[in-house]
Amino acid sequence: MDVASLPEDFRELGEGLVYFADMLKETRILATSLSRGDLSCSLPKPDNELASNLKSLHATLKHLAWQTKQVANGDYKQRVTFMGDFSESFNQMVVQLNEQRDALLGEIETIRKQRRDLEYSNNLFEIITSRLPDWIVVIDRDTGERLFINHPVENFLIDASFESRLYDVLLSHARKKEENEVQTSEEFPLAGEGVIQWFSVTFYPLHWHGYDALAAVLTDITASKAEIDKLEGVAYRDALTGVCNRHYGMNLLNEWIERNLHFVLCFIDIDRLKYVNDVFGHAEGDRYILEVAKLLQTFSDDSCLCRLGGDEFMILAAGITLKEAEDRLGILRNALVTKALATQDGKLYQGSLSYGAIEVAEDNALPAGDILSQADEKMYVFKKAHRMERRDAPA
């Protein structure tokens, strides 16, 4: 509008209208920029009172944008207090971000501490284990690569074949990863230079300098195992004959019954032992028992012979029929009967034995005592039927 061309009385009004139009234009430009989120636009003149509220909003949004950048840079102390529900949501978000950062920093510090502790533990492990008498071997569970051995192992690994057998045992265990998440122990033998050594080995899964590893602690138990075998021999062997004793035999019988095995139980009684003891003495009676035990041990390679006590023996045999067992017993008895036994001073006497055999099926429901009693009854019937065959004296 050309204010100068207006009549003089209207020039002041024209100037006012031009000024108002300019303020309105500035206000509209600012409103449009704010609606687009553009906070970089030029602000209206300071005396533009029409745009005062929009200028306040612009300043608020500029400050809010700055606060948001501060939060993005990790400044979680920022708070908004002038935008109602938005302020509450914004402040809650900042608090949660701060808590998450603190938790993450805590986890990072924990991991760093664990790494330091692990490194320290590994170093300490190497120092300590180098001085232990036990063998320590650490291998990679994926590749089997040897990661560490202590000094006691080095002397034995000179033998390449011994080393190979040792690592075969360790690798076999390492490959069973699903079973190796906890400490486990086992025993195994290693043969070297004509000598068999027994070891007790305990496996420990661990992380070793970045490797998924398995540590094996091996203890030589050769001497203790020999002592245990000796004690077991005392516990399970008959002192006179060396065959299994009653305790071992009854345990084995109960085990076979529980496993529902098919087997034959033979009950054997030495005939005329009392006669030999009374006439020739108990020393000769013991030799008679030994002679019968030696004969019964030839029953079969895979059977178990037990001395139940005195003149009674039991044979447990799997994989044969009742008839086969009775035929074998008959052959053994005939060999004894037809053989003249001599005392140390040359006196002769006839040996003999009686037997009863019971076949035990897989579906057996009888306890061990009843099975043994049935075999004993059959033995007694056999003994009575063959009594007349024995000469020198009654059994």
Protein backbone atom coordinates (compact mmCIF):
# COMPACT_ATOMS: atom_id res chain seq x y z
CA MET A 1 0.00 0.00 0.00
CA ASP A 2 1.33 3.43 -0.98
CA VAL A 3 0.61 5.34 2.24
CA ALA A 4 1.95 8.59 0.75
CA SER A 5 -0.80 8.60 -1.90
CA LEU A 6 -3.53 8.57 0.75
CA PRO A 7 -5.23 11.69 1.91
CA GLU A 8 -3.46 13.21 4.85
CA ASP A 9 -6.29 12.34 7.23
CA PHE A 10 -5.95 8.63 6.35
CA ARG A 11 -2.20 8.32 6.29
CA GLU A 12 -1.88 7.41 9.99
CA LEU A 13 -4.55 4.73 9.58
CA GLY A 14 -2.77 3.41 6.49
CA GLU A 15 0.52 3.22 8.30
CA GLY A 16 -1.17 1.29 11.11
CA LEU A 17 -2.70 -1.15 8.67
CA VAL A 18 0.67 -1.73 6.96
CA TYR A 19 2.36 -2.32 10.35
CA PHE A 20 -0.41 -4.77 11.36
CA ALA A 21 -0.10 -6.63 8.03
CA ASP A 22 3.68 -6.97 8.53
CA MET A 23 3.21 -8.40 12.05
CA LEU A 24 0.56 -10.79 10.80
CA LYS A 25 2.85 -11.96 7.99
CA GLU A 26 5.73 -12.57 10.40
CA THR A 27 3.42 -14.44 12.76
CA ARG A 28 2.10 -16.64 9.94
CA ILE A 29 5.66 -17.50 8.78
CA LEU A 30 6.68 -18.48 12.32
CA ALA A 31 3.53 -20.57 12.81
CA THR A 32 4.16 -22.39 9.53
CA SER A 33 7.79 -23.11 10.47
CA LEU A 34 6.80 -24.41 13.91
CA SER A 35 4.15 -26.65 12.39
CA ARG A 36 6.89 -28.24 10.27
CA GLY A 37 9.22 -28.58 13.25
CA ASP A 38 11.65 -26.06 11.78
CA LEU A 39 13.21 -24.23 14.73
CA SER A 40 15.88 -22.52 12.59
CA CYS A 41 13.49 -19.95 11.07
CA SER A 42 13.87 -16.18 11.60
CA LEU A 43 11.89 -14.76 14.52
CA PRO A 44 9.47 -11.82 14.21
CA LYS A 45 10.60 -8.36 15.25
CA PRO A 46 10.82 -7.81 18.99
CA ASP A 47 7.87 -5.38 18.94
CA ASN A 48 5.59 -7.97 17.22
CA GLU A 49 3.18 -8.61 20.06
CA LEU A 50 0.97 -10.83 17.89
CA ALA A 51 3.76 -13.46 17.74
CA SER A 52 4.74 -13.28 21.43
CA ASN A 53 3.13 -16.65 22.32
CA LEU A 54 4.60 -18.34 19.27
CA LYS A 55 8.03 -16.91 20.13
CA SER A 56 7.67 -18.35 23.64
CA LEU A 57 6.72 -21.73 22.15
CA HIS A 58 9.70 -21.51 19.81
CA ALA A 59 12.03 -20.83 22.74
CA THR A 60 10.51 -23.74 24.69
CA LEU A 61 10.93 -26.15 21.81
CA LYS A 62 14.51 -24.96 21.23
CA HIS A 63 15.29 -25.64 24.89
CA LEU A 64 13.53 -29.03 24.76
CA ALA A 65 15.55 -29.95 21.66
CA TRP A 66 18.75 -29.01 23.51
CA GLN A 67 17.71 -31.08 26.53
CA THR A 68 17.00 -34.05 24.27
CA LYS A 69 20.49 -33.77 22.76
CA GLN A 70 21.94 -33.64 26.25
CA VAL A 71 20.08 -36.84 27.16
CA ALA A 72 21.30 -38.49 23.95
CA ASN A 73 24.85 -37.56 25.01
CA GLY A 74 24.36 -39.25 28.38
CA ASP A 75 23.23 -36.34 30.56
CA TYR A 76 20.37 -38.00 32.44
CA LYS A 77 19.95 -35.13 34.89
CA GLN A 78 17.76 -33.22 32.42
CA ARG A 79 14.11 -32.74 33.46
CA VAL A 80 11.11 -31.06 31.80
CA THR A 81 8.69 -29.23 34.10
CA PHE A 82 6.50 -27.14 31.80
CA MET A 83 4.67 -29.47 29.41
CA GLY A 84 2.18 -31.44 31.48
CA ASP A 85 1.82 -35.13 30.57
CA PHE A 86 4.69 -34.88 28.13
CA SER A 87 6.96 -33.73 30.94
CA GLU A 88 5.99 -36.74 33.06
CA SER A 89 6.64 -39.19 30.22
CA PHE A 90 9.90 -37.49 29.24
CA ASN A 91 11.21 -37.46 32.79
CA GLN A 92 10.24 -41.12 33.33
CA MET A 93 12.06 -42.06 30.14
CA VAL A 94 15.20 -40.23 31.29
CA VAL A 95 15.08 -41.99 34.68
CA GLN A 96 14.76 -45.39 33.00
CA LEU A 97 17.63 -44.60 30.62
CA ASN A 98 19.75 -43.61 33.60
CA GLU A 99 18.91 -46.85 35.44
CA GLN A 100 19.67 -48.93 32.35
CA ARG A 101 23.00 -47.17 31.89
CA ASP A 102 23.93 -47.75 35.53
CA ALA A 103 22.98 -51.42 35.23
CA LEU A 104 24.98 -51.77 32.02
CA LEU A 105 27.99 -50.06 33.54
CA GLY A 106 27.68 -52.40 36.52
CA GLU A 107 27.64 -55.44 34.25
CA ILE A 108 30.63 -54.14 32.32
CA GLU A 109 32.56 -53.65 35.54
CA THR A 110 31.56 -57.12 36.74
CA ILE A 111 32.78 -58.66 33.47
CA ARG A 112 36.03 -56.73 33.72
CA LYS A 113 36.51 -57.94 37.28
CA GLN A 114 35.71 -61.51 36.26
CA ARG A 115 38.26 -61.31 33.46
CA ARG A 116 40.87 -59.98 35.89
CA ASP A 117 40.00 -62.68 38.41
CA LEU A 118 40.07 -65.36 35.72
CA GLU A 119 43.45 -64.23 34.49
CA TYR A 120 44.72 -64.16 38.05
CA SER A 121 43.24 -67.60 38.71
CA ASN A 122 44.84 -69.05 35.58
CA ASN A 123 48.22 -67.65 36.56
CA LEU A 124 47.82 -68.87 40.12
CA PHE A 125 46.69 -72.27 38.82
CA GLU A 126 49.86 -72.61 36.76
CA ILE A 127 52.05 -71.65 39.72
CA ILE A 128 50.35 -74.01 42.16
CA THR A 129 49.92 -76.98 39.85
CA SER A 130 53.56 -76.87 38.81
CA ARG A 131 54.38 -77.85 42.38
CA LEU A 132 51.77 -80.57 42.86
CA PRO A 133 52.67 -84.28 42.69
CA ASP A 134 49.43 -85.01 40.81
CA TRP A 135 49.37 -84.78 37.04
CA ILE A 136 47.60 -81.73 35.63
CA VAL A 137 46.68 -81.62 31.95
CA VAL A 138 44.56 -78.92 30.29
CA ILE A 139 43.27 -79.42 26.73
CA ASP A 140 41.05 -77.52 24.31
CA ARG A 141 37.70 -79.31 24.30
CA ASP A 142 37.12 -78.49 20.63
CA THR A 143 40.47 -79.38 19.06
CA GLY A 144 42.17 -81.49 21.73
CA GLU A 145 45.17 -79.14 21.64
CA ARG A 146 47.31 -79.39 24.76
CA LEU A 147 47.15 -76.05 26.57
CA PHE A 148 49.05 -76.83 29.76
CA ILE A 149 50.82 -79.64 31.63
CA ASN A 150 52.60 -79.46 34.96
CA HIS A 151 56.09 -80.77 35.66
CA PRO A 152 55.21 -84.27 36.97
CA VAL A 153 53.55 -85.12 33.63
CA GLU A 154 56.53 -84.15 31.50
CA ASN A 155 58.70 -87.08 32.58
CA PHE A 156 56.06 -89.63 31.53
CA LEU A 157 55.29 -88.04 28.18
CA ILE A 158 58.74 -89.03 26.90
CA ASP A 159 57.06 -92.31 25.91
CA ALA A 160 55.08 -91.33 22.77
CA SER A 161 52.77 -94.34 22.99
CA PHE A 162 52.00 -93.54 26.61
CA GLU A 163 51.21 -89.94 25.68
CA SER A 164 48.94 -91.10 22.87
CA ARG A 165 46.95 -93.38 25.17
CA LEU A 166 46.66 -90.64 27.79
CA TYR A 167 45.27 -88.15 25.28
CA ASP A 168 42.90 -90.74 23.87
CA VAL A 169 41.31 -90.94 27.32
CA LEU A 170 41.18 -87.16 27.72
CA LEU A 171 39.79 -86.52 24.23
CA SER A 172 37.15 -89.19 24.65
CA HIS A 173 35.90 -87.40 27.74
CA ALA A 174 36.26 -83.92 26.24
CA ARG A 175 33.98 -84.77 23.31
CA LYS A 176 31.12 -85.58 25.71
CA LYS A 177 30.52 -81.88 26.25
CA GLU A 178 26.95 -82.21 27.42
CA GLU A 179 28.19 -84.46 30.24
CA ASN A 180 31.15 -82.28 31.12
CA GLU A 181 29.52 -79.16 32.48
CA VAL A 182 30.26 -80.28 36.03
CA GLN A 183 33.15 -81.98 37.80
CA THR A 184 33.32 -85.73 37.11
CA SER A 185 35.71 -88.50 38.13
CA GLU A 186 36.65 -91.93 36.83
CA GLU A 187 39.45 -94.52 36.91
CA PHE A 188 41.42 -95.96 33.99
CA PRO A 189 44.60 -97.98 33.37
CA LEU A 190 47.60 -96.94 31.25
CA ALA A 191 50.22 -99.44 30.11
CA GLY A 192 53.80 -98.39 29.55
CA GLU A 193 57.16 -100.19 29.55
CA GLY A 194 55.50 -103.47 30.50
CA VAL A 195 53.83 -101.99 33.60
CA ILE A 196 50.14 -101.13 34.01
CA GLN A 197 49.46 -98.02 36.04
CA TRP A 198 46.02 -97.11 37.35
CA PHE A 199 44.94 -93.51 37.63
CA SER A 200 42.05 -91.71 39.22
CA VAL A 201 41.21 -88.71 37.05
CA THR A 202 38.92 -85.81 37.89
CA PHE A 203 37.76 -83.56 35.04
CA TYR A 204 37.01 -79.86 35.50
CA PRO A 205 35.44 -77.78 32.69
CA LEU A 206 36.90 -74.28 32.62
CA HIS A 207 37.78 -71.30 30.45
CA TRP A 208 41.52 -71.14 29.90
CA HIS A 209 42.98 -67.96 28.36
CA GLY A 210 40.03 -67.67 25.99
CA TYR A 211 39.69 -71.42 25.30
CA ASP A 212 36.79 -73.69 26.16
CA ALA A 213 38.97 -76.12 28.05
CA LEU A 214 38.97 -79.27 30.14
CA ALA A 215 41.39 -79.73 33.03
CA ALA A 216 42.26 -83.26 34.14
CA VAL A 217 43.81 -83.95 37.54
CA LEU A 218 45.34 -87.44 37.53
CA THR A 219 46.44 -89.33 40.63
CA ASP A 220 48.46 -92.55 40.46
CA ILE A 221 46.41 -95.11 42.39
CA THR A 222 48.34 -98.21 41.29
CA ALA A 223 49.51 -99.08 44.81
CA SER A 224 46.19 -98.36 46.48
CA LYS A 225 44.30 -100.32 43.83
CA ALA A 226 46.57 -103.31 44.38
CA GLU A 227 45.85 -103.06 48.09
CA ILE A 228 42.11 -102.84 47.41
CA ASP A 229 42.30 -105.88 45.12
CA LYS A 230 44.10 -107.70 47.90
CA LEU A 231 41.44 -106.73 50.43
CA GLU A 232 38.68 -107.71 48.01
CA GLY A 233 40.38 -111.04 47.61
CA VAL A 234 40.21 -111.49 51.36
CA ALA A 235 36.60 -110.34 51.45
CA TYR A 236 35.31 -112.37 48.49
CA ARG A 237 37.60 -115.41 48.32
CA ASP A 238 37.47 -118.61 50.31
CA ALA A 239 40.64 -118.82 52.39
CA LEU A 240 41.20 -122.56 51.84
CA THR A 241 40.34 -123.09 48.16
CA GLY A 242 40.79 -119.61 46.67
CA VAL A 243 37.41 -119.78 44.91
CA CYS A 244 34.66 -117.27 45.62
CA ASN A 245 33.17 -117.42 49.10
CA ARG A 246 29.53 -117.60 50.20
CA HIS A 247 29.20 -113.82 50.55
CA TYR A 248 30.29 -113.20 46.97
CA GLY A 249 28.23 -116.09 45.60
CA MET A 250 24.98 -115.00 47.25
CA ASN A 251 25.50 -111.41 46.12
CA LEU A 252 26.03 -112.60 42.55
CA LEU A 253 22.97 -114.87 42.74
CA ASN A 254 20.78 -111.98 43.90
CA GLU A 255 22.22 -109.73 41.17
CA TRP A 256 21.41 -112.27 38.44
CA ILE A 257 17.88 -112.65 39.80
CA GLU A 258 17.37 -108.87 39.82
CA ARG A 259 18.65 -108.65 36.23
CA ASN A 260 16.18 -111.37 35.14
CA LEU A 261 18.97 -113.50 33.67
CA HIS A 262 18.49 -117.07 32.48
CA PHE A 263 20.98 -119.31 34.29
CA VAL A 264 21.53 -122.62 36.05
CA LEU A 265 22.36 -122.97 39.74
CA CYS A 266 24.25 -126.14 40.74
CA PHE A 267 24.46 -127.17 44.38
CA ILE A 268 27.33 -129.59 45.09
CA ASP A 269 28.08 -131.52 48.26
CA ILE A 270 31.32 -133.44 48.85
CA ASP A 271 30.53 -137.04 49.78
CA ARG A 272 32.28 -138.73 52.70
CA LEU A 273 34.20 -135.69 53.93
CA LYS A 274 33.38 -136.61 57.54
CA TYR A 275 34.78 -140.09 56.93
CA VAL A 276 38.06 -138.66 55.60
CA ASN A 277 38.33 -136.23 58.52
CA ASP A 278 37.63 -138.95 61.09
CA VAL A 279 39.90 -141.60 59.57
CA PHE A 280 42.78 -139.62 58.06
CA GLY A 281 42.59 -136.29 59.90
CA HIS A 282 41.40 -132.81 59.06
CA ALA A 283 44.53 -131.95 57.10
CA GLU A 284 43.66 -134.71 54.65
CA GLY A 285 40.05 -133.49 54.71
CA ASP A 286 41.28 -130.06 53.59
CA ARG A 287 43.29 -131.66 50.76
CA TYR A 288 40.15 -133.54 49.74
CA ILE A 289 38.21 -130.25 49.60
CA LEU A 290 40.97 -128.69 47.52
CA GLU A 291 40.91 -131.64 45.11
CA VAL A 292 37.16 -131.25 44.59
CA ALA A 293 37.42 -127.45 44.22
CA LYS A 294 40.12 -127.86 41.59
CA LEU A 295 37.92 -130.33 39.70
CA LEU A 296 34.81 -128.10 39.89
CA GLN A 297 36.74 -125.12 38.51
CA THR A 298 36.88 -126.97 35.17
CA PHE A 299 33.05 -126.87 34.90
CA SER A 300 33.29 -123.99 32.38
CA ASP A 301 35.37 -120.88 31.79
CA ASP A 302 32.47 -118.46 32.21
CA SER A 303 30.84 -119.93 35.31
CA CYS A 304 31.29 -118.82 38.91
CA LEU A 305 32.28 -121.39 41.55
CA CYS A 306 31.63 -120.53 45.20
CA ARG A 307 32.33 -122.44 48.37
CA LEU A 308 29.27 -121.99 50.56
CA GLY A 309 30.99 -123.52 53.54
CA GLY A 310 32.28 -126.90 54.78
CA ASP A 311 31.60 -129.48 52.09
CA GLU A 312 29.13 -127.40 50.03
CA PHE A 313 29.79 -125.59 46.75
CA MET A 314 27.61 -123.61 44.33
CA ILE A 315 28.12 -123.05 40.62
CA LEU A 316 26.30 -120.25 38.78
CA ALA A 317 26.38 -120.68 35.01
CA ALA A 318 24.61 -118.56 32.36
CA GLY A 319 24.10 -119.50 28.74
CA ILE A 320 23.62 -123.25 29.26
CA THR A 321 20.60 -125.50 29.70
CA LEU A 322 19.78 -127.63 32.71
CA LYS A 323 20.66 -130.81 30.84
CA GLU A 324 24.03 -129.42 29.76
CA ALA A 325 24.81 -128.49 33.35
CA GLU A 326 23.81 -131.93 34.67
CA ASP A 327 25.85 -133.65 31.95
CA ARG A 328 28.93 -131.66 32.89
CA LEU A 329 28.44 -132.37 36.59
CA GLY A 330 28.06 -136.06 35.79
CA ILE A 331 31.36 -136.07 33.90
CA LEU A 332 33.13 -134.31 36.79
CA ARG A 333 31.64 -136.68 39.36
CA ASN A 334 32.65 -139.71 37.32
CA ALA A 335 36.21 -138.39 37.08
CA LEU A 336 36.34 -138.06 40.85
CA VAL A 337 34.73 -141.42 41.58
CA THR A 338 37.02 -143.36 39.28
CA LYS A 339 40.15 -141.70 40.61
CA ALA A 340 41.83 -143.23 43.64
CA LEU A 341 42.74 -140.48 46.09
CA ALA A 342 45.78 -141.05 48.26
CA THR A 343 46.73 -139.62 51.63
CA GLN A 344 50.22 -138.31 52.27
CA ASP A 345 51.24 -141.66 53.71
CA GLY A 346 49.91 -143.56 50.71
CA LYS A 347 46.55 -144.76 51.99
CA LEU A 348 43.82 -144.80 49.33
CA TYR A 349 40.23 -143.71 49.53
CA GLN A 350 37.42 -143.01 47.08
CA GLY A 351 36.20 -139.47 46.43
CA SER A 352 32.70 -138.58 45.34
CA LEU A 353 30.24 -135.74 45.15
CA SER A 354 26.49 -135.26 44.92
CA TYR A 355 24.73 -132.48 43.10
CA GLY A 356 21.41 -130.88 42.29
CA ALA A 357 20.83 -128.34 39.52
CA ILE A 358 17.99 -125.83 39.09
CA GLU A 359 17.27 -123.82 35.92
CA VAL A 360 16.26 -120.23 36.66
CA ALA A 361 14.22 -118.52 33.95
CA GLU A 362 13.98 -114.80 33.12
CA ASP A 363 10.51 -114.60 34.71
CA ASN A 364 11.64 -116.23 37.95
CA ALA A 365 9.81 -114.92 41.03
CA LEU A 366 11.58 -117.00 43.71
CA PRO A 367 14.13 -115.40 46.05
CA ALA A 368 17.70 -116.65 46.20
CA GLY A 369 17.14 -118.71 49.35
CA ASP A 370 14.27 -120.68 47.84
CA ILE A 371 16.20 -121.42 44.65
CA LEU A 372 19.16 -122.63 46.68
CA SER A 373 16.87 -124.79 48.83
CA GLN A 374 15.36 -126.44 45.75
CA ALA A 375 18.83 -127.25 44.43
CA ASP A 376 19.78 -128.61 47.87
CA GLU A 377 16.72 -130.88 47.87
CA LYS A 378 17.64 -132.22 44.42
CA MET A 379 21.18 -132.81 45.66
CA TYR A 380 19.88 -134.74 48.65
CA VAL A 381 17.71 -136.96 46.38
CA PHE A 382 20.78 -137.59 44.21
CA LYS A 383 22.94 -138.38 47.26
CA LYS A 384 20.37 -140.83 48.62
CA ALA A 385 20.00 -142.56 45.24
CA HIS A 386 23.79 -143.06 44.90
CA ARG A 387 24.62 -143.93 48.49
CA MET A 388 25.31 -147.58 47.67
CA GLU A 389 28.05 -146.57 45.21
CA ARG A 390 30.27 -145.35 48.03
CA ARG A 391 32.34 -148.03 49.61
CA ASP A 392 34.53 -147.41 52.66
CA ALA A 393 31.94 -145.73 54.90
CA PRO A 394 28.65 -143.83 54.82
CA ALA A 395 28.75 -140.19 53.86
